[in-house]
Amino acid sequence: HEVPLIFNPRQRPLIQYSKLPAPYHQQPWFFSLTHTRGMAAWTLAQNPVGIDLEDDSPRLNVRDYARDYCSQPEWLKLAFIEEERDFVDLFRKIWVMKEAHFKMGVTESSDSFQKTAFTFHEDRVWCEWLGPERFGGSCYLMNPSPQYLLGLVCLTGEKLEPIIIKA
């Protein structure tokens, strides 16, 4: 089947199921996709959704990135980590969630990176929106394989399962 898309200025494309045969829904679906070295992933949702995939390749100036893109609560957690590996591990988690949140498309500017604060505890991820609007959604952090992190953010409480493709 060909998948018809709805294109609107200043919005992300939506999948239009009304032109597909039953049993598809009549309302549009939101989708997000991501890729990195050796892996790709995508997901569908009935509400805005964002997905990001990061590998563990080394980055230059990780502490500079963290200072520039982390919110104040995140930076306060990172600033006191002395071991470089621990710092990089936490920053990768924060970064993959921030990218997924940005790809959800509910904010239009890169300053949304400083307006979101992600907190991690065991297998849970919390997102606090520090701007005037409130964000009440679902956040998931996954390890599709040892060297990859996958972040998934949805505007509502939908339980999402990403489709992961390894090269």
N, C-alpha and C. Protein backbone atom coordinates (compact mmCIF):
# COMPACT_ATOMS: atom_id res chain seq x y z
N HIS A 1 0.82 -1.19 0.00
CA HIS A 1 0.00 0.00 0.00
C HIS A 1 0.86 1.25 0.00
N GLU A 2 0.41 2.25 -0.67
CA GLU A 2 1.02 3.56 -0.59
C GLU A 2 0.45 4.27 0.63
N VAL A 3 1.28 4.94 1.38
CA VAL A 3 0.81 5.62 2.60
C VAL A 3 0.66 7.11 2.31
N PRO A 4 -0.59 7.61 2.28
CA PRO A 4 -0.79 9.04 2.02
C PRO A 4 -0.41 9.88 3.24
N LEU A 5 0.24 11.00 2.97
CA LEU A 5 0.66 11.91 4.03
C LEU A 5 -0.08 13.23 3.92
N ILE A 6 -0.30 13.87 5.05
CA ILE A 6 -0.90 15.20 5.10
C ILE A 6 0.23 16.18 5.40
N PHE A 7 0.40 17.17 4.55
CA PHE A 7 1.44 18.19 4.75
C PHE A 7 0.77 19.52 5.04
N ASN A 8 1.14 20.13 6.16
CA ASN A 8 0.67 21.46 6.53
C ASN A 8 1.88 22.34 6.80
N PRO A 9 1.81 23.61 6.41
CA PRO A 9 2.94 24.50 6.71
C PRO A 9 3.19 24.55 8.22
N ARG A 10 4.46 24.56 8.60
CA ARG A 10 4.88 24.69 9.99
C ARG A 10 4.45 23.53 10.87
N GLN A 11 4.09 22.40 10.28
CA GLN A 11 3.76 21.21 11.07
C GLN A 11 4.48 20.01 10.47
N ARG A 12 4.60 18.98 11.26
CA ARG A 12 5.20 17.76 10.77
C ARG A 12 4.18 16.99 9.93
N PRO A 13 4.63 16.19 8.97
CA PRO A 13 3.68 15.39 8.18
C PRO A 13 2.94 14.40 9.06
N LEU A 14 1.70 14.11 8.69
CA LEU A 14 0.87 13.13 9.39
C LEU A 14 0.51 12.03 8.40
N ILE A 15 0.30 10.82 8.92
CA ILE A 15 -0.17 9.74 8.07
C ILE A 15 -1.69 9.83 7.99
N GLN A 16 -2.22 9.90 6.78
CA GLN A 16 -3.67 10.01 6.59
C GLN A 16 -4.22 8.63 6.27
N TYR A 17 -4.87 8.02 7.24
CA TYR A 17 -5.37 6.67 7.05
C TYR A 17 -6.72 6.62 6.34
N SER A 18 -7.39 7.73 6.18
CA SER A 18 -8.73 7.69 5.60
C SER A 18 -8.74 7.16 4.18
N LYS A 19 -7.60 7.22 3.47
CA LYS A 19 -7.55 6.73 2.10
C LYS A 19 -7.13 5.26 2.01
N LEU A 20 -6.83 4.66 3.14
CA LEU A 20 -6.42 3.27 3.15
C LEU A 20 -7.63 2.38 3.43
N PRO A 21 -7.59 1.13 2.99
CA PRO A 21 -8.72 0.23 3.24
C PRO A 21 -8.90 -0.06 4.73
N ALA A 22 -10.10 -0.49 5.12
CA ALA A 22 -10.39 -0.86 6.50
C ALA A 22 -9.37 -1.90 6.95
N PRO A 23 -9.05 -1.99 8.19
CA PRO A 23 -9.66 -1.39 9.38
C PRO A 23 -8.94 -0.15 9.88
N TYR A 24 -8.28 0.60 9.04
CA TYR A 24 -7.51 1.76 9.49
C TYR A 24 -8.42 2.86 10.00
N HIS A 25 -7.87 3.64 10.93
CA HIS A 25 -8.61 4.75 11.53
C HIS A 25 -8.77 5.89 10.53
N GLN A 26 -9.77 6.71 10.77
CA GLN A 26 -10.01 7.87 9.92
C GLN A 26 -9.15 9.06 10.31
N GLN A 27 -8.69 9.10 11.53
CA GLN A 27 -7.90 10.26 11.97
C GLN A 27 -6.43 10.09 11.60
N PRO A 28 -5.72 11.19 11.43
CA PRO A 28 -4.29 11.10 11.12
C PRO A 28 -3.50 10.52 12.30
N TRP A 29 -2.37 9.93 11.99
CA TRP A 29 -1.45 9.42 12.99
C TRP A 29 -0.17 10.22 12.93
N PHE A 30 0.50 10.34 14.05
CA PHE A 30 1.78 11.02 14.12
C PHE A 30 2.89 9.97 14.05
N PHE A 31 4.00 10.33 13.43
CA PHE A 31 5.12 9.41 13.39
C PHE A 31 6.42 10.17 13.59
N SER A 32 7.42 9.44 13.99
CA SER A 32 8.75 10.01 14.16
C SER A 32 9.76 8.94 13.79
N LEU A 33 10.87 9.36 13.20
CA LEU A 33 11.91 8.40 12.86
C LEU A 33 13.27 8.96 13.18
N THR A 34 14.23 8.06 13.35
CA THR A 34 15.59 8.44 13.71
C THR A 34 16.56 7.40 13.18
N HIS A 35 17.80 7.80 13.04
CA HIS A 35 18.83 6.84 12.65
C HIS A 35 20.18 7.33 13.16
N THR A 36 21.08 6.40 13.30
CA THR A 36 22.46 6.67 13.64
C THR A 36 23.29 5.55 13.04
N ARG A 37 24.56 5.52 13.30
CA ARG A 37 25.42 4.49 12.70
C ARG A 37 24.91 3.08 13.01
N GLY A 38 24.50 2.36 11.98
CA GLY A 38 24.15 0.96 12.14
C GLY A 38 22.76 0.66 12.65
N MET A 39 21.92 1.65 12.89
CA MET A 39 20.58 1.39 13.42
C MET A 39 19.62 2.51 13.05
N ALA A 40 18.36 2.14 12.87
CA ALA A 40 17.29 3.11 12.64
C ALA A 40 16.08 2.68 13.47
N ALA A 41 15.19 3.62 13.77
CA ALA A 41 13.99 3.30 14.53
C ALA A 41 12.89 4.29 14.16
N TRP A 42 11.65 3.85 14.28
CA TRP A 42 10.51 4.74 14.05
C TRP A 42 9.36 4.28 14.93
N THR A 43 8.39 5.16 15.10
CA THR A 43 7.22 4.84 15.91
C THR A 43 6.01 5.62 15.41
N LEU A 44 4.84 5.11 15.71
CA LEU A 44 3.55 5.73 15.39
C LEU A 44 2.80 6.01 16.68
N ALA A 45 2.00 7.07 16.69
CA ALA A 45 1.17 7.37 17.85
C ALA A 45 -0.04 8.18 17.40
N GLN A 46 -1.05 8.21 18.24
CA GLN A 46 -2.24 9.00 17.94
C GLN A 46 -2.09 10.44 18.39
N ASN A 47 -0.96 10.77 18.98
CA ASN A 47 -0.66 12.12 19.44
C ASN A 47 0.79 12.43 19.09
N PRO A 48 1.20 13.70 19.21
CA PRO A 48 2.59 14.04 18.87
C PRO A 48 3.58 13.12 19.58
N VAL A 49 4.59 12.68 18.82
CA VAL A 49 5.57 11.72 19.32
C VAL A 49 6.94 12.08 18.78
N GLY A 50 7.98 11.83 19.55
CA GLY A 50 9.35 12.05 19.10
C GLY A 50 10.22 10.88 19.50
N ILE A 51 11.17 10.55 18.65
CA ILE A 51 12.07 9.43 18.92
C ILE A 51 13.49 9.85 18.55
N ASP A 52 14.46 9.40 19.32
CA ASP A 52 15.86 9.66 18.98
C ASP A 52 16.69 8.45 19.36
N LEU A 53 17.73 8.24 18.58
CA LEU A 53 18.63 7.11 18.76
C LEU A 53 20.05 7.65 18.75
N GLU A 54 20.83 7.29 19.75
CA GLU A 54 22.22 7.75 19.84
C GLU A 54 23.13 6.55 20.04
N ASP A 55 24.27 6.55 19.36
CA ASP A 55 25.26 5.51 19.61
C ASP A 55 26.28 6.04 20.62
N ASP A 56 27.19 5.18 21.01
CA ASP A 56 28.14 5.59 22.05
C ASP A 56 29.46 6.09 21.49
N SER A 57 29.45 6.58 20.25
CA SER A 57 30.69 7.12 19.69
C SER A 57 31.10 8.36 20.48
N PRO A 58 32.40 8.54 20.67
CA PRO A 58 32.86 9.68 21.48
C PRO A 58 32.51 11.02 20.85
N ARG A 59 32.18 11.96 21.69
CA ARG A 59 31.90 13.33 21.26
C ARG A 59 32.98 14.25 21.83
N LEU A 60 33.30 15.25 21.05
CA LEU A 60 34.25 16.25 21.54
C LEU A 60 33.53 17.23 22.44
N ASN A 61 34.19 17.70 23.44
CA ASN A 61 33.67 18.77 24.31
C ASN A 61 32.30 18.45 24.90
N VAL A 62 32.14 17.26 25.45
CA VAL A 62 30.86 16.85 26.03
C VAL A 62 30.43 17.82 27.12
N ARG A 63 31.35 18.27 27.93
CA ARG A 63 30.99 19.20 29.01
C ARG A 63 30.50 20.54 28.45
N ASP A 64 31.08 20.98 27.34
CA ASP A 64 30.59 22.22 26.70
C ASP A 64 29.17 22.03 26.18
N TYR A 65 28.90 20.90 25.53
CA TYR A 65 27.55 20.60 25.06
C TYR A 65 26.58 20.62 26.24
N ALA A 66 26.97 19.98 27.32
CA ALA A 66 26.09 19.91 28.49
C ALA A 66 25.79 21.30 29.03
N ARG A 67 26.82 22.15 29.13
CA ARG A 67 26.60 23.52 29.62
C ARG A 67 25.65 24.29 28.69
N ASP A 68 25.79 24.08 27.39
CA ASP A 68 24.99 24.83 26.41
C ASP A 68 23.54 24.34 26.32
N TYR A 69 23.31 23.05 26.49
CA TYR A 69 22.00 22.50 26.18
C TYR A 69 21.22 21.97 27.37
N CYS A 70 21.85 21.76 28.49
CA CYS A 70 21.12 21.22 29.64
C CYS A 70 20.42 22.33 30.41
N SER A 71 19.31 21.98 31.01
CA SER A 71 18.62 22.92 31.89
C SER A 71 19.43 23.06 33.18
N GLN A 72 19.09 24.05 33.97
CA GLN A 72 19.82 24.27 35.21
C GLN A 72 19.76 23.05 36.14
N PRO A 73 18.58 22.44 36.35
CA PRO A 73 18.55 21.25 37.22
C PRO A 73 19.43 20.11 36.70
N GLU A 74 19.46 19.91 35.38
CA GLU A 74 20.31 18.85 34.81
C GLU A 74 21.79 19.18 35.00
N TRP A 75 22.14 20.44 34.73
CA TRP A 75 23.55 20.83 34.85
C TRP A 75 24.03 20.70 36.29
N LEU A 76 23.16 21.00 37.25
CA LEU A 76 23.55 20.86 38.66
C LEU A 76 23.86 19.41 39.00
N LYS A 77 23.15 18.47 38.39
CA LYS A 77 23.46 17.05 38.61
C LYS A 77 24.78 16.67 37.94
N LEU A 78 24.98 17.15 36.72
CA LEU A 78 26.17 16.80 35.95
C LEU A 78 27.45 17.45 36.49
N ALA A 79 27.35 18.67 36.95
CA ALA A 79 28.53 19.46 37.33
C ALA A 79 29.37 18.80 38.42
N PHE A 80 28.74 18.01 39.26
CA PHE A 80 29.46 17.41 40.38
C PHE A 80 29.94 15.99 40.10
N ILE A 81 29.76 15.52 38.88
CA ILE A 81 30.26 14.19 38.51
C ILE A 81 31.72 14.31 38.08
N GLU A 82 32.59 13.64 38.79
CA GLU A 82 34.03 13.75 38.50
C GLU A 82 34.48 12.75 37.44
N GLU A 83 33.99 11.53 37.50
CA GLU A 83 34.40 10.50 36.55
C GLU A 83 33.83 10.82 35.16
N GLU A 84 34.71 10.93 34.18
CA GLU A 84 34.29 11.30 32.82
C GLU A 84 33.28 10.31 32.25
N ARG A 85 33.48 9.01 32.46
CA ARG A 85 32.56 8.00 31.91
C ARG A 85 31.16 8.18 32.50
N ASP A 86 31.07 8.44 33.81
CA ASP A 86 29.77 8.65 34.45
C ASP A 86 29.10 9.91 33.92
N PHE A 87 29.91 10.96 33.72
CA PHE A 87 29.39 12.21 33.17
C PHE A 87 28.81 11.97 31.77
N VAL A 88 29.58 11.30 30.93
CA VAL A 88 29.15 11.03 29.54
C VAL A 88 27.90 10.16 29.53
N ASP A 89 27.84 9.14 30.39
CA ASP A 89 26.67 8.26 30.43
C ASP A 89 25.40 9.03 30.78
N LEU A 90 25.46 9.88 31.80
CA LEU A 90 24.28 10.66 32.17
C LEU A 90 23.94 11.68 31.08
N PHE A 91 24.95 12.34 30.53
CA PHE A 91 24.67 13.31 29.47
C PHE A 91 24.03 12.65 28.26
N ARG A 92 24.48 11.46 27.87
CA ARG A 92 23.87 10.75 26.73
C ARG A 92 22.39 10.48 26.99
N LYS A 93 22.04 10.10 28.20
CA LYS A 93 20.63 9.86 28.54
C LYS A 93 19.83 11.16 28.41
N ILE A 94 20.37 12.23 28.97
CA ILE A 94 19.69 13.53 28.88
C ILE A 94 19.55 13.94 27.42
N TRP A 95 20.64 13.82 26.65
CA TRP A 95 20.64 14.29 25.27
C TRP A 95 19.64 13.52 24.41
N VAL A 96 19.59 12.20 24.53
CA VAL A 96 18.67 11.41 23.70
C VAL A 96 17.22 11.78 24.03
N MET A 97 16.93 12.07 25.29
CA MET A 97 15.56 12.45 25.66
C MET A 97 15.24 13.86 25.16
N LYS A 98 16.20 14.78 25.24
CA LYS A 98 15.97 16.14 24.74
C LYS A 98 15.73 16.12 23.23
N GLU A 99 16.52 15.34 22.50
CA GLU A 99 16.33 15.23 21.05
C GLU A 99 14.95 14.66 20.72
N ALA A 100 14.54 13.62 21.43
CA ALA A 100 13.22 13.02 21.20
C ALA A 100 12.12 14.04 21.50
N HIS A 101 12.27 14.78 22.59
CA HIS A 101 11.28 15.80 22.95
C HIS A 101 11.20 16.86 21.87
N PHE A 102 12.35 17.32 21.37
CA PHE A 102 12.37 18.33 20.32
C PHE A 102 11.73 17.80 19.03
N LYS A 103 12.01 16.55 18.69
CA LYS A 103 11.45 15.94 17.47
C LYS A 103 9.95 15.72 17.57
N MET A 104 9.41 15.75 18.78
CA MET A 104 7.97 15.62 18.95
C MET A 104 7.26 16.78 18.26
N GLY A 105 7.95 17.91 18.12
CA GLY A 105 7.42 19.02 17.35
C GLY A 105 6.46 19.94 18.07
N VAL A 106 6.40 19.88 19.38
CA VAL A 106 5.48 20.78 20.09
C VAL A 106 6.13 22.11 20.44
N THR A 107 7.44 22.20 20.28
CA THR A 107 8.15 23.47 20.46
C THR A 107 8.91 23.75 19.18
N GLU A 108 9.08 25.01 18.86
CA GLU A 108 9.69 25.37 17.58
C GLU A 108 11.11 25.86 17.68
N SER A 109 11.61 26.09 18.86
CA SER A 109 12.95 26.67 18.96
C SER A 109 13.88 25.78 19.75
N SER A 110 15.16 25.95 19.50
CA SER A 110 16.14 25.13 20.20
C SER A 110 16.26 25.50 21.67
N ASP A 111 15.66 26.62 22.10
CA ASP A 111 15.72 26.94 23.53
C ASP A 111 14.89 25.96 24.34
N SER A 112 14.10 25.11 23.67
CA SER A 112 13.36 24.09 24.40
C SER A 112 14.31 23.11 25.09
N PHE A 113 15.56 23.03 24.62
CA PHE A 113 16.54 22.16 25.28
C PHE A 113 16.78 22.62 26.72
N GLN A 114 16.85 23.93 26.94
CA GLN A 114 17.06 24.44 28.30
C GLN A 114 15.77 24.46 29.11
N LYS A 115 14.63 24.34 28.45
CA LYS A 115 13.35 24.40 29.16
C LYS A 115 12.81 23.04 29.56
N THR A 116 13.55 21.98 29.25
CA THR A 116 13.14 20.65 29.69
C THR A 116 14.19 20.10 30.63
N ALA A 117 13.72 19.49 31.70
CA ALA A 117 14.63 18.86 32.66
C ALA A 117 14.23 17.40 32.81
N PHE A 118 15.13 16.51 32.44
CA PHE A 118 14.87 15.08 32.54
C PHE A 118 15.54 14.52 33.78
N THR A 119 14.81 13.67 34.48
CA THR A 119 15.31 13.00 35.68
C THR A 119 15.17 11.50 35.47
N PHE A 120 16.17 10.75 35.89
CA PHE A 120 16.19 9.31 35.69
C PHE A 120 16.28 8.62 37.04
N HIS A 121 15.46 7.59 37.21
CA HIS A 121 15.54 6.78 38.42
C HIS A 121 15.17 5.35 38.04
N GLU A 122 16.16 4.46 38.15
CA GLU A 122 16.00 3.06 37.76
C GLU A 122 15.43 3.00 36.34
N ASP A 123 14.24 2.45 36.16
CA ASP A 123 13.70 2.32 34.80
C ASP A 123 12.67 3.41 34.47
N ARG A 124 12.64 4.48 35.23
CA ARG A 124 11.68 5.56 35.00
C ARG A 124 12.38 6.82 34.52
N VAL A 125 11.67 7.58 33.67
CA VAL A 125 12.16 8.87 33.19
C VAL A 125 11.06 9.90 33.45
N TRP A 126 11.42 11.01 34.04
CA TRP A 126 10.48 12.10 34.25
C TRP A 126 10.94 13.31 33.46
N CYS A 127 9.97 14.02 32.92
CA CYS A 127 10.27 15.25 32.19
C CYS A 127 9.54 16.40 32.85
N GLU A 128 10.27 17.43 33.19
CA GLU A 128 9.65 18.64 33.73
C GLU A 128 9.86 19.75 32.71
N TRP A 129 8.76 20.37 32.31
CA TRP A 129 8.80 21.49 31.36
C TRP A 129 8.94 22.75 32.18
N LEU A 130 10.02 23.50 31.96
CA LEU A 130 10.32 24.68 32.77
C LEU A 130 9.76 25.96 32.17
N GLY A 131 9.08 25.86 31.03
CA GLY A 131 8.49 27.03 30.39
C GLY A 131 7.08 27.28 30.89
N PRO A 132 6.38 28.26 30.31
CA PRO A 132 5.04 28.60 30.77
C PRO A 132 4.01 27.52 30.45
N GLU A 133 4.20 26.76 29.36
CA GLU A 133 3.26 25.69 29.03
C GLU A 133 3.61 24.47 29.87
N ARG A 134 2.66 23.57 30.01
CA ARG A 134 2.92 22.35 30.77
C ARG A 134 3.02 21.17 29.81
N PHE A 135 3.90 20.26 30.09
CA PHE A 135 4.06 19.05 29.29
C PHE A 135 3.67 17.87 30.15
N GLY A 136 2.66 17.14 29.75
CA GLY A 136 2.25 15.96 30.49
C GLY A 136 2.22 14.76 29.57
N GLY A 137 3.31 14.10 29.42
CA GLY A 137 3.37 12.99 28.48
C GLY A 137 4.11 11.81 29.05
N SER A 138 4.45 10.91 28.14
CA SER A 138 5.18 9.70 28.50
C SER A 138 6.60 9.79 27.98
N CYS A 139 7.55 9.36 28.78
CA CYS A 139 8.96 9.35 28.38
C CYS A 139 9.52 7.96 28.62
N TYR A 140 10.22 7.45 27.63
CA TYR A 140 10.82 6.12 27.73
C TYR A 140 12.27 6.18 27.31
N LEU A 141 13.13 5.51 28.04
CA LEU A 141 14.54 5.38 27.69
C LEU A 141 14.82 3.89 27.56
N MET A 142 15.36 3.49 26.40
CA MET A 142 15.59 2.08 26.13
C MET A 142 17.01 1.85 25.64
N ASN A 143 17.48 0.62 25.80
CA ASN A 143 18.77 0.19 25.27
C ASN A 143 18.52 -0.92 24.25
N PRO A 144 18.34 -0.56 22.97
CA PRO A 144 18.09 -1.62 21.98
C PRO A 144 19.28 -2.57 21.81
N SER A 145 20.46 -2.12 22.14
CA SER A 145 21.66 -2.96 22.20
C SER A 145 22.68 -2.20 23.05
N PRO A 146 23.76 -2.86 23.49
CA PRO A 146 24.66 -2.22 24.46
C PRO A 146 25.20 -0.84 24.07
N GLN A 147 25.48 -0.61 22.80
CA GLN A 147 26.08 0.68 22.45
C GLN A 147 25.07 1.75 22.04
N TYR A 148 23.77 1.47 22.12
CA TYR A 148 22.76 2.43 21.68
C TYR A 148 21.81 2.81 22.81
N LEU A 149 21.37 4.06 22.78
CA LEU A 149 20.29 4.54 23.64
C LEU A 149 19.17 5.03 22.74
N LEU A 150 17.93 4.76 23.14
CA LEU A 150 16.77 5.21 22.38
C LEU A 150 15.86 5.97 23.33
N GLY A 151 15.51 7.20 22.96
CA GLY A 151 14.58 8.01 23.74
C GLY A 151 13.28 8.14 22.98
N LEU A 152 12.18 8.06 23.70
CA LEU A 152 10.85 8.11 23.10
C LEU A 152 9.98 9.00 23.98
N VAL A 153 9.35 10.01 23.39
CA VAL A 153 8.51 10.95 24.13
C VAL A 153 7.19 11.10 23.39
N CYS A 154 6.08 11.00 24.11
CA CYS A 154 4.75 11.17 23.51
C CYS A 154 3.97 12.16 24.35
N LEU A 155 3.16 12.98 23.69
CA LEU A 155 2.43 14.04 24.38
C LEU A 155 1.39 13.50 25.36
N THR A 156 0.93 12.28 25.17
CA THR A 156 -0.04 11.70 26.10
C THR A 156 0.57 10.47 26.75
N GLY A 157 -0.22 9.77 27.52
CA GLY A 157 0.26 8.60 28.24
C GLY A 157 0.26 7.32 27.44
N GLU A 158 0.25 7.39 26.11
CA GLU A 158 0.24 6.18 25.30
C GLU A 158 1.47 5.32 25.58
N LYS A 159 1.28 4.01 25.61
CA LYS A 159 2.42 3.09 25.68
C LYS A 159 2.86 2.83 24.25
N LEU A 160 4.10 3.12 23.95
CA LEU A 160 4.60 3.04 22.58
C LEU A 160 5.67 1.96 22.46
N GLU A 161 5.68 1.32 21.32
CA GLU A 161 6.72 0.34 21.00
C GLU A 161 7.39 0.77 19.72
N PRO A 162 8.67 1.13 19.77
CA PRO A 162 9.36 1.53 18.55
C PRO A 162 9.68 0.32 17.67
N ILE A 163 9.76 0.55 16.38
CA ILE A 163 10.23 -0.45 15.42
C ILE A 163 11.72 -0.17 15.23
N ILE A 164 12.57 -1.13 15.53
CA ILE A 164 14.02 -0.93 15.47
C ILE A 164 14.59 -1.80 14.36
N ILE A 165 15.42 -1.20 13.53
CA ILE A 165 16.04 -1.90 12.41
C ILE A 165 17.55 -1.79 12.56
N LYS A 166 18.23 -2.93 12.65
CA LYS A 166 19.69 -2.94 12.74
C LYS A 166 20.27 -3.19 11.36
N ALA A 167 21.35 -2.46 11.05
CA ALA A 167 21.99 -2.63 9.74
C ALA A 167 22.86 -3.86 9.73
